[in-house]
PDB file of N, CA and C in Angstrom:
ATOM      1  N   GLN A   1      -0.645 -57.872   8.570  1.00  0.00           N
ATOM      2  CA  GLN A   1      -1.364 -57.017   7.862  1.00  0.00           C
ATOM      3  C   GLN A   1      -1.779 -58.437   6.438  1.00  0.00           C
ATOM      4  N   TRP A   2      -0.946 -59.183   6.236  1.00  0.00           N
ATOM      5  CA  TRP A   2      -1.272 -60.447   4.901  1.00  0.00           C
ATOM      6  C   TRP A   2      -2.088 -61.662   6.302  1.00  0.00           C
ATOM      7  N   ALA A   3      -1.681 -61.711   7.534  1.00  0.00           N
ATOM      8  CA  ALA A   3      -2.772 -62.566   8.191  1.00  0.00           C
ATOM      9  C   ALA A   3      -4.238 -62.010   8.854  1.00  0.00           C
ATOM     10  N   GLU A   4      -4.350 -60.363   8.703  1.00  0.00           N
ATOM     11  CA  GLU A   4      -5.487 -60.200   8.909  1.00  0.00           C
ATOM     12  C   GLU A   4      -6.010 -60.317   7.721  1.00  0.00           C
ATOM     13  N   SER A   5      -5.854 -59.902   6.604  1.00  0.00           N
ATOM     14  CA  SER A   5      -6.180 -60.686   5.052  1.00  0.00           C
ATOM     15  C   SER A   5      -6.846 -61.776   5.106  1.00  0.00           C
ATOM     16  N   LEU A   6      -6.004 -63.039   5.140  1.00  0.00           N
ATOM     17  CA  LEU A   6      -6.574 -64.210   5.445  1.00  0.00           C
ATOM     18  C   LEU A   6      -7.679 -64.286   6.116  1.00  0.00           C
ATOM     19  N   TYR A   7      -7.599 -63.815   7.864  1.00  0.00           N
ATOM     20  CA  TYR A   7      -8.885 -64.316   8.283  1.00  0.00           C
ATOM     21  C   TYR A   7      -9.985 -63.305   8.162  1.00  0.00           C
ATOM     22  N   LEU A   8      -9.851 -61.771   7.737  1.00  0.00           N
ATOM     23  CA  LEU A   8     -11.166 -61.353   7.063  1.00  0.00           C
ATOM     24  C   LEU A   8     -11.805 -61.888   6.174  1.00  0.00           C
ATOM     25  N   THR A   9     -10.752 -62.452   4.942  1.00  0.00           N
ATOM     26  CA  THR A   9     -11.374 -63.208   3.543  1.00  0.00           C
ATOM     27  C   THR A   9     -12.026 -64.576   3.805  1.00  0.00           C
ATOM     28  N   PHE A  10     -11.074 -65.482   4.780  1.00  0.00           N
ATOM     29  CA  PHE A  10     -11.548 -67.270   5.054  1.00  0.00           C
ATOM     30  C   PHE A  10     -11.992 -67.231   6.579  1.00  0.00           C
ATOM     31  N   LEU A  11     -12.107 -66.513   7.463  1.00  0.00           N
ATOM     32  CA  LEU A  11     -12.544 -67.363   8.722  1.00  0.00           C
ATOM     33  C   LEU A  11     -13.396 -66.288   9.167  1.00  0.00           C
ATOM     34  N   HIS A  12     -13.736 -64.854   9.227  1.00  0.00           N
ATOM     35  CA  HIS A  12     -14.629 -64.080   9.972  1.00  0.00           C
ATOM     36  C   HIS A  12     -15.882 -64.389   9.598  1.00  0.00           C
ATOM     37  N   CYS A  13     -16.540 -64.311  10.658  1.00  0.00           N
ATOM     38  CA  CYS A  13     -18.173 -64.759  10.145  1.00  0.00           C
ATOM     39  C   CYS A  13     -19.114 -64.188   8.891  1.00  0.00           C
ATOM     40  N   ASN A  14     -18.571 -63.027   8.166  1.00  0.00           N
ATOM     41  CA  ASN A  14     -18.729 -62.248   7.096  1.00  0.00           C
ATOM     42  C   ASN A  14     -17.912 -62.497   6.191  1.00  0.00           C
ATOM     43  N   ALA A  15     -17.116 -62.953   6.321  1.00  0.00           N
ATOM     44  CA  ALA A  15     -16.529 -63.664   5.070  1.00  0.00           C
ATOM     45  C   ALA A  15     -16.300 -63.957   3.816  1.00  0.00           C
ATOM     46  N   PRO A  16     -16.140 -63.470   2.643  1.00  0.00           N
ATOM     47  CA  PRO A  16     -16.582 -63.806   1.516  1.00  0.00           C
ATOM     48  C   PRO A  16     -16.260 -64.896   1.196  1.00  0.00           C
ATOM     49  N   TYR A  17     -15.081 -65.320   1.393  1.00  0.00           N
ATOM     50  CA  TYR A  17     -14.630 -67.304   0.918  1.00  0.00           C
ATOM     51  C   TYR A  17     -14.783 -67.874   2.088  1.00  0.00           C
ATOM     52  N   GLN A  18     -15.487 -68.040   2.763  1.00  0.00           N
ATOM     53  CA  GLN A  18     -15.629 -68.746   4.473  1.00  0.00           C
ATOM     54  C   GLN A  18     -15.421 -70.176   4.391  1.00  0.00           C
ATOM     55  N   ILE A  19     -14.391 -70.503   4.768  1.00  0.00           N
ATOM     56  CA  ILE A  19     -14.057 -72.102   4.984  1.00  0.00           C
ATOM     57  C   ILE A  19     -14.709 -72.447   6.206  1.00  0.00           C
ATOM     58  N   GLY A  20     -15.590 -73.643   5.924  1.00  0.00           N
ATOM     59  CA  GLY A  20     -16.741 -73.843   6.373  1.00  0.00           C
ATOM     60  C   GLY A  20     -16.019 -75.037   7.702  1.00  0.00           C
ATOM     61  N   CYS A  21     -14.887 -76.166   7.180  1.00  0.00           N
ATOM     62  CA  CYS A  21     -14.493 -76.723   8.187  1.00  0.00           C
ATOM     63  C   CYS A  21     -13.820 -76.738   8.955  1.00  0.00           C
ATOM     64  N   SER A  22     -13.795 -75.339   9.853  1.00  0.00           N
ATOM     65  CA  SER A  22     -12.848 -74.486  10.805  1.00  0.00           C
ATOM     66  C   SER A  22     -13.802 -74.610  12.218  1.00  0.00           C
ATOM     67  N   ASN A  23     -13.358 -75.031  13.080  1.00  0.00           N
ATOM     68  CA  ASN A  23     -14.223 -74.945  14.168  1.00  0.00           C
ATOM     69  C   ASN A  23     -14.270 -73.483  15.480  1.00  0.00           C
ATOM     70  N   ALA A  24     -15.361 -73.082  15.449  1.00  0.00           N
ATOM     71  CA  ALA A  24     -15.270 -71.588  16.248  1.00  0.00           C
ATOM     72  C   ALA A  24     -14.454 -70.857  16.834  1.00  0.00           C
ATOM     73  N   ALA A  25     -13.604 -72.393  17.796  1.00  0.00           N
ATOM     74  CA  ALA A  25     -12.705 -72.109  18.982  1.00  0.00           C
ATOM     75  C   ALA A  25     -11.392 -72.359  17.808  1.00  0.00           C
ATOM     76  N   ASP A  26     -10.998 -72.654  17.395  1.00  0.00           N
ATOM     77  CA  ASP A  26      -9.903 -72.229  16.059  1.00  0.00           C
ATOM     78  C   ASP A  26     -10.286 -70.162  15.589  1.00  0.00           C
ATOM     79  N   ILE A  27     -11.301 -70.392  15.067  1.00  0.00           N
ATOM     80  CA  ILE A  27     -11.384 -69.256  14.534  1.00  0.00           C
ATOM     81  C   ILE A  27     -11.594 -67.916  15.417  1.00  0.00           C
ATOM     82  N   ILE A  28     -12.064 -67.934  16.372  1.00  0.00           N
ATOM     83  CA  ILE A  28     -11.620 -67.059  18.155  1.00  0.00           C
ATOM     84  C   ILE A  28     -10.227 -67.016  18.323  1.00  0.00           C
ATOM     85  N   ARG A  29      -9.652 -68.093  18.356  1.00  0.00           N
ATOM     86  CA  ARG A  29      -8.411 -67.862  18.581  1.00  0.00           C
ATOM     87  C   ARG A  29      -7.371 -67.459  17.181  1.00  0.00           C
ATOM     88  N   VAL A  30      -7.952 -67.354  16.361  1.00  0.00           N
ATOM     89  CA  VAL A  30      -6.744 -66.537  15.256  1.00  0.00           C
ATOM     90  C   VAL A  30      -7.363 -64.930  15.802  1.00  0.00           C
ATOM     91  N   GLY A  31      -8.347 -64.769  15.772  1.00  0.00           N
ATOM     92  CA  GLY A  31      -9.232 -63.272  15.587  1.00  0.00           C
ATOM     93  C   GLY A  31      -8.545 -62.288  16.738  1.00  0.00           C
ATOM     94  N   THR A  32      -8.496 -63.269  18.112  1.00  0.00           N
ATOM     95  CA  THR A  32      -7.946 -62.913  19.241  1.00  0.00           C
ATOM     96  C   THR A  32      -6.729 -62.689  19.137  1.00  0.00           C
ATOM     97  N   SER A  33      -5.429 -63.758  18.553  1.00  0.00           N
ATOM     98  CA  SER A  33      -4.509 -63.134  18.713  1.00  0.00           C
ATOM     99  C   SER A  33      -3.994 -62.337  17.732  1.00  0.00           C
ATOM    100  N   LEU A  34      -4.902 -61.774  16.288  1.00  0.00           N
ATOM    101  CA  LEU A  34      -4.517 -60.699  15.721  1.00  0.00           C
ATOM    102  C   LEU A  34      -4.803 -59.454  16.482  1.00  0.00           C
ATOM    103  N   ASP A  35      -5.493 -59.785  17.333  1.00  0.00           N
ATOM    104  CA  ASP A  35      -6.397 -58.032  18.076  1.00  0.00           C
ATOM    105  C   ASP A  35      -5.031 -57.787  18.908  1.00  0.00           C
ATOM    106  N   ALA A  36      -4.119 -59.136  19.419  1.00  0.00           N
ATOM    107  CA  ALA A  36      -3.762 -58.622  20.433  1.00  0.00           C
ATOM    108  C   ALA A  36      -2.323 -58.022  19.471  1.00  0.00           C
ATOM    109  N   LEU A  37      -2.142 -58.076  18.850  1.00  0.00           N
ATOM    110  CA  LEU A  37      -0.741 -57.746  17.733  1.00  0.00           C
ATOM    111  C   LEU A  37      -0.494 -56.319  17.885  1.00  0.00           C
ATOM    112  N   SER A  38       0.454 -55.688  18.722  1.00  0.00           N
ATOM    113  CA  SER A  38       0.851 -54.453  18.314  1.00  0.00           C
ATOM    114  C   SER A  38       1.046 -53.487  17.024  1.00  0.00           C
ATOM    115  N   ALA A  39       0.651 -53.286  16.386  1.00  0.00           N
ATOM    116  CA  ALA A  39       1.260 -52.179  15.009  1.00  0.00           C
ATOM    117  C   ALA A  39       2.860 -52.835  14.680  1.00  0.00           C
ATOM    118  N   GLY A  40       2.725 -53.128  13.531  1.00  0.00           N
ATOM    119  CA  GLY A  40       3.999 -53.703  12.709  1.00  0.00           C
ATOM    120  C   GLY A  40       4.308 -55.019  13.513  1.00  0.00           C
ATOM    121  N   GLU A  41       3.678 -55.720  14.735  1.00  0.00           N
ATOM    122  CA  GLU A  41       4.461 -57.012  15.157  1.00  0.00           C
ATOM    123  C   GLU A  41       3.777 -57.858  14.470  1.00  0.00           C
ATOM    124  N   MET A  42       4.773 -59.144  14.049  1.00  0.00           N
ATOM    125  CA  MET A  42       4.432 -60.202  13.022  1.00  0.00           C
ATOM    126  C   MET A  42       3.526 -61.149  14.409  1.00  0.00           C
ATOM    127  N   PRO A  43       2.552 -61.781  13.221  1.00  0.00           N
ATOM    128  CA  PRO A  43       1.333 -62.837  14.136  1.00  0.00           C
ATOM    129  C   PRO A  43       2.651 -64.119  14.407  1.00  0.00           C
ATOM    130  N   PRO A  44       2.702 -65.143  15.234  1.00  0.00           N
ATOM    131  CA  PRO A  44       2.770 -66.308  15.407  1.00  0.00           C
ATOM    132  C   PRO A  44       3.117 -66.967  14.468  1.00  0.00           C
ATOM    133  N   TYR A  45       4.345 -68.075  13.529  1.00  0.00           N
ATOM    134  CA  TYR A  45       4.433 -68.757  12.221  1.00  0.00           C
ATOM    135  C   TYR A  45       3.454 -69.624  12.630  1.00  0.00           C
ATOM    136  N   ASN A  46       2.753 -70.344  13.420  1.00  0.00           N
ATOM    137  CA  ASN A  46       1.565 -71.421  13.752  1.00  0.00           C
ATOM    138  C   ASN A  46       0.295 -70.820  13.483  1.00  0.00           C
ATOM    139  N   LEU A  47       0.247 -69.679  13.823  1.00  0.00           N
ATOM    140  CA  LEU A  47      -1.252 -68.824  13.653  1.00  0.00           C
ATOM    141  C   LEU A  47      -2.326 -69.718  12.978  1.00  0.00           C
ATOM    142  N   PHE A  48      -2.312 -70.110  11.955  1.00  0.00           N
ATOM    143  CA  PHE A  48      -3.067 -70.762  10.873  1.00  0.00           C
ATOM    144  C   PHE A  48      -2.869 -72.238  10.837  1.00  0.00           C
ATOM    145  N   ARG A  49      -2.020 -72.536  11.633  1.00  0.00           N
ATOM    146  CA  ARG A  49      -1.828 -74.158  11.672  1.00  0.00           C
ATOM    147  C   ARG A  49      -3.151 -75.068  11.980  1.00  0.00           C
ATOM    148  N   SER A  50      -3.819 -75.258  12.563  1.00  0.00           N
ATOM    149  CA  SER A  50      -4.946 -75.751  13.385  1.00  0.00           C
ATOM    150  C   SER A  50      -5.636 -75.828  12.546  1.00  0.00           C
ATOM    151  N   ILE A  51      -5.982 -74.390  11.700  1.00  0.00           N
ATOM    152  CA  ILE A  51      -6.718 -74.458  10.988  1.00  0.00           C
ATOM    153  C   ILE A  51      -6.423 -75.254   9.474  1.00  0.00           C
ATOM    154  N   GLN A  52      -5.611 -75.139   9.217  1.00  0.00           N
ATOM    155  CA  GLN A  52      -4.517 -75.326   8.118  1.00  0.00           C
ATOM    156  C   GLN A  52      -5.100 -76.949   7.629  1.00  0.00           C
ATOM    157  N   LEU A  53      -4.464 -77.695   9.490  1.00  0.00           N
ATOM    158  CA  LEU A  53      -4.914 -78.829   9.296  1.00  0.00           C
ATOM    159  C   LEU A  53      -6.033 -79.670   9.112  1.00  0.00           C
ATOM    160  N   ALA A  54      -6.907 -78.752  10.205  1.00  0.00           N
ATOM    161  CA  ALA A  54      -8.611 -79.118   9.116  1.00  0.00           C
ATOM    162  C   ALA A  54      -8.943 -79.239   8.282  1.00  0.00           C
ATOM    163  N   THR A  55      -8.453 -78.305   7.142  1.00  0.00           N
ATOM    164  CA  THR A  55      -8.991 -77.833   5.843  1.00  0.00           C
ATOM    165  C   THR A  55      -8.009 -79.170   5.145  1.00  0.00           C
ATOM    166  N   PHE A  56      -7.019 -79.468   5.291  1.00  0.00           N
ATOM    167  CA  PHE A  56      -6.536 -80.459   4.583  1.00  0.00           C
ATOM    168  C   PHE A  56      -7.105 -81.772   4.646  1.00  0.00           C
ATOM    169  N   ALA A  57      -7.585 -82.313   6.066  1.00  0.00           N
ATOM    170  CA  ALA A  57      -8.721 -83.296   6.518  1.00  0.00           C
ATOM    171  C   ALA A  57      -9.812 -83.772   5.949  1.00  0.00           C
ATOM    172  N   PHE A  58     -10.747 -82.255   5.699  1.00  0.00           N
ATOM    173  CA  PHE A  58     -11.473 -82.415   5.038  1.00  0.00           C
ATOM    174  C   PHE A  58     -11.532 -82.555   3.583  1.00  0.00           C
ATOM    175  N   MET A  59      -9.908 -81.810   3.210  1.00  0.00           N
ATOM    176  CA  MET A  59     -10.234 -81.636   1.361  1.00  0.00           C
ATOM    177  C   MET A  59      -9.822 -82.899   0.467  1.00  0.00           C
ATOM    178  N   LYS A  60      -8.913 -83.697   1.957  1.00  0.00           N
ATOM    179  CA  LYS A  60      -8.465 -85.205   1.609  1.00  0.00           C
ATOM    180  C   LYS A  60      -9.847 -86.190   1.652  1.00  0.00           C
ATOM    181  N   LYS A  61     -10.392 -86.261   2.650  1.00  0.00           N
ATOM    182  CA  LYS A  61     -11.905 -86.769   2.756  1.00  0.00           C
ATOM    183  C   LYS A  61     -12.810 -86.749   1.699  1.00  0.00           C
ATOM    184  N   MET A  62     -13.071 -85.236   1.490  1.00  0.00           N
ATOM    185  CA  MET A  62     -14.246 -85.183   0.529  1.00  0.00           C
ATOM    186  C   MET A  62     -13.932 -85.022  -1.175  1.00  0.00           C
ATOM    187  N   PHE A  63     -12.771 -84.683  -1.546  1.00  0.00           N
ATOM    188  CA  PHE A  63     -12.287 -84.457  -2.678  1.00  0.00           C
ATOM    189  C   PHE A  63     -11.163 -85.209  -3.047  1.00  0.00           C
ATOM    190  N   TYR A  64     -10.394 -85.853  -2.649  1.00  0.00           N
ATOM    191  CA  TYR A  64      -9.198 -86.614  -3.041  1.00  0.00           C
ATOM    192  C   TYR A  64      -9.741 -87.938  -3.625  1.00  0.00           C
ATOM    193  N   PRO A  65     -10.704 -88.470  -2.933  1.00  0.00           N
ATOM    194  CA  PRO A  65     -11.154 -90.129  -3.867  1.00  0.00           C
ATOM    195  C   PRO A  65     -12.267 -89.662  -5.106  1.00  0.00           C
ATOM    196  N   ASP A  66     -12.794 -88.456  -5.044  1.00  0.00           N
ATOM    197  CA  ASP A  66     -12.935 -88.283  -6.528  1.00  0.00           C
ATOM    198  C   ASP A  66     -12.375 -87.721  -7.614  1.00  0.00           C
ATOM    199  N   PHE A  67     -11.201 -87.109  -6.848  1.00  0.00           N
ATOM    200  CA  PHE A  67     -10.172 -86.924  -7.640  1.00  0.00           C
ATOM    201  C   PHE A  67      -9.255 -88.253  -8.419  1.00  0.00           C
ATOM    202  N   ILE A  68      -8.938 -89.154  -7.595  1.00  0.00           N
ATOM    203  CA  ILE A  68      -8.117 -90.178  -8.184  1.00  0.00           C
ATOM    204  C   ILE A  68      -8.733 -90.901  -9.346  1.00  0.00           C
ATOM    205  N   ALA A  69     -10.883 -90.739  -8.670  1.00  0.00           N
ATOM    206  CA  ALA A  69     -11.468 -91.552  -9.701  1.00  0.00           C
ATOM    207  C   ALA A  69     -11.361 -91.173 -11.282  1.00  0.00           C
ATOM    208  N   GLN A  70     -11.143 -90.611 -11.573  1.00  0.00           N
ATOM    209  CA  GLN A  70     -11.237 -89.399 -12.502  1.00  0.00           C
ATOM    210  C   GLN A  70     -10.287 -89.940 -13.847  1.00  0.00           C
ATOM    211  N   SER A  71     -10.563 -90.147 -15.051  1.00  0.00           N
ATOM    212  CA  SER A  71      -9.873 -90.736 -15.718  1.00  0.00           C
ATOM    213  C   SER A  71      -9.036 -89.976 -16.364  1.00  0.00           C
ATOM    214  N   ASN A  72      -8.398 -88.545 -16.705  1.00  0.00           N
ATOM    215  CA  ASN A  72      -7.563 -87.552 -16.603  1.00  0.00           C
ATOM    216  C   ASN A  72      -6.180 -87.796 -15.715  1.00  0.00           C
ATOM    217  N   TYR A  73      -7.320 -87.971 -14.430  1.00  0.00           N
ATOM    218  CA  TYR A  73      -5.658 -88.761 -13.375  1.00  0.00           C
ATOM    219  C   TYR A  73      -5.196 -90.186 -13.680  1.00  0.00           C
ATOM    220  N   HIS A  74      -6.152 -90.801 -14.151  1.00  0.00           N
ATOM    221  CA  HIS A  74      -5.400 -92.234 -14.176  1.00  0.00           C
ATOM    222  C   HIS A  74      -3.878 -91.813 -15.588  1.00  0.00           C
ATOM    223  N   ARG A  75      -4.528 -91.276 -17.071  1.00  0.00           N
ATOM    224  CA  ARG A  75      -3.699 -91.102 -18.073  1.00  0.00           C
ATOM    225  C   ARG A  75      -3.193 -90.269 -17.452  1.00  0.00           C
ATOM    226  N   MET A  76      -2.923 -89.569 -16.686  1.00  0.00           N
ATOM    227  CA  MET A  76      -1.446 -88.860 -16.526  1.00  0.00           C
ATOM    228  C   MET A  76      -0.746 -89.257 -15.013  1.00  0.00           C
ATOM    229  N   LEU A  77      -1.208 -90.409 -14.680  1.00  0.00           N
ATOM    230  CA  LEU A  77      -0.637 -91.053 -13.639  1.00  0.00           C
ATOM    231  C   LEU A  77       0.128 -92.123 -14.838  1.00  0.00           C
ATOM    232  N   ILE A  78      -0.902 -93.002 -15.716  1.00  0.00           N
ATOM    233  CA  ILE A  78       0.016 -93.997 -16.720  1.00  0.00           C
ATOM    234  C   ILE A  78       1.262 -93.215 -17.343  1.00  0.00           C
ATOM    235  N   ALA A  79       1.098 -91.839 -18.245  1.00  0.00           N
ATOM    236  CA  ALA A  79       1.694 -91.255 -18.729  1.00  0.00           C
ATOM    237  C   ALA A  79       3.514 -90.861 -17.753  1.00  0.00           C
ATOM    238  N   ALA A  80       3.089 -90.882 -16.649  1.00  0.00           N
ATOM    239  CA  ALA A  80       4.362 -90.330 -15.381  1.00  0.00           C
ATOM    240  C   ALA A  80       4.903 -91.422 -15.186  1.00  0.00           C
ATOM    241  N   VAL A  81       4.313 -92.750 -15.253  1.00  0.00           N
ATOM    242  CA  VAL A  81       5.057 -93.846 -15.204  1.00  0.00           C
ATOM    243  C   VAL A  81       6.240 -94.426 -15.985  1.00  0.00           C
ATOM    244  N   HIS A  82       4.940 -94.544 -17.494  1.00  0.00           N
ATOM    245  CA  HIS A  82       5.656 -94.580 -18.214  1.00  0.00           C
ATOM    246  C   HIS A  82       7.157 -93.912 -18.738  1.00  0.00           C
ATOM    247  N   ALA A  83       6.914 -92.797 -18.275  1.00  0.00           N
ATOM    248  CA  ALA A  83       8.048 -91.537 -18.489  1.00  0.00           C
ATOM    249  C   ALA A  83       9.241 -91.959 -18.056  1.00  0.00           C
ATOM    250  N   ALA A  84       8.967 -92.234 -16.329  1.00  0.00           N
ATOM    251  CA  ALA A  84       9.948 -92.782 -15.504  1.00  0.00           C
ATOM    252  C   ALA A  84      10.763 -93.676 -15.870  1.00  0.00           C
ATOM    253  N   ASP A  85       9.904 -95.180 -16.883  1.00  0.00           N
ATOM    254  CA  ASP A  85      10.681 -96.327 -16.968  1.00  0.00           C
ATOM    255  C   ASP A  85      11.389 -95.671 -17.734  1.00  0.00           C
ATOM    256  N   ARG A  86      11.251 -94.903 -18.551  1.00  0.00           N
ATOM    257  CA  ARG A  86      11.789 -94.757 -20.027  1.00  0.00           C
ATOM    258  C   ARG A  86      13.034 -93.943 -19.663  1.00  0.00           C
ATOM    259  N   VAL A  87      13.098 -92.926 -18.683  1.00  0.00           N
ATOM    260  CA  VAL A  87      14.088 -92.102 -18.248  1.00  0.00           C
ATOM    261  C   VAL A  87      15.010 -93.274 -17.026  1.00  0.00           C
ATOM    262  N   SER A  88      14.969 -93.931 -16.587  1.00  0.00           N
ATOM    263  CA  SER A  88      15.423 -94.985 -15.689  1.00  0.00           C
ATOM    264  C   SER A  88      15.761 -96.464 -16.792  1.00  0.00           C
ATOM    265  N   SER A  89      15.597 -96.698 -17.770  1.00  0.00           N
ATOM    266  CA  SER A  89      16.231 -97.775 -18.209  1.00  0.00           C
ATOM    267  C   SER A  89      16.747 -97.020 -19.762  1.00  0.00           C
ATOM    268  N   GLU A  90      17.263 -95.609 -19.575  1.00  0.00           N
ATOM    269  CA  GLU A  90      18.465 -95.232 -20.436  1.00  0.00           C
ATOM    270  C   GLU A  90      19.579 -95.423 -20.077  1.00  0.00           C
TER     271      GLU A  90
END
């Protein structure tokens, strides 16, 4: 049920929060795998693996550079480094 909910929410062609970086072959594979399950049968543990990897790569390429360029990130990083220095010197 959880896997079908993920599929319908993020991957199906009419999904309300469709993930745009997934390729059609992966989406079809997941849908076919879910359709083939018997009632109460658990989906394979790696059902969403290829989509997970594609989404991570997309986010890393598109959003990570902007994230690390933000001044808030730099302030938090400096604070964390100084906190670690204080702890290690005690």
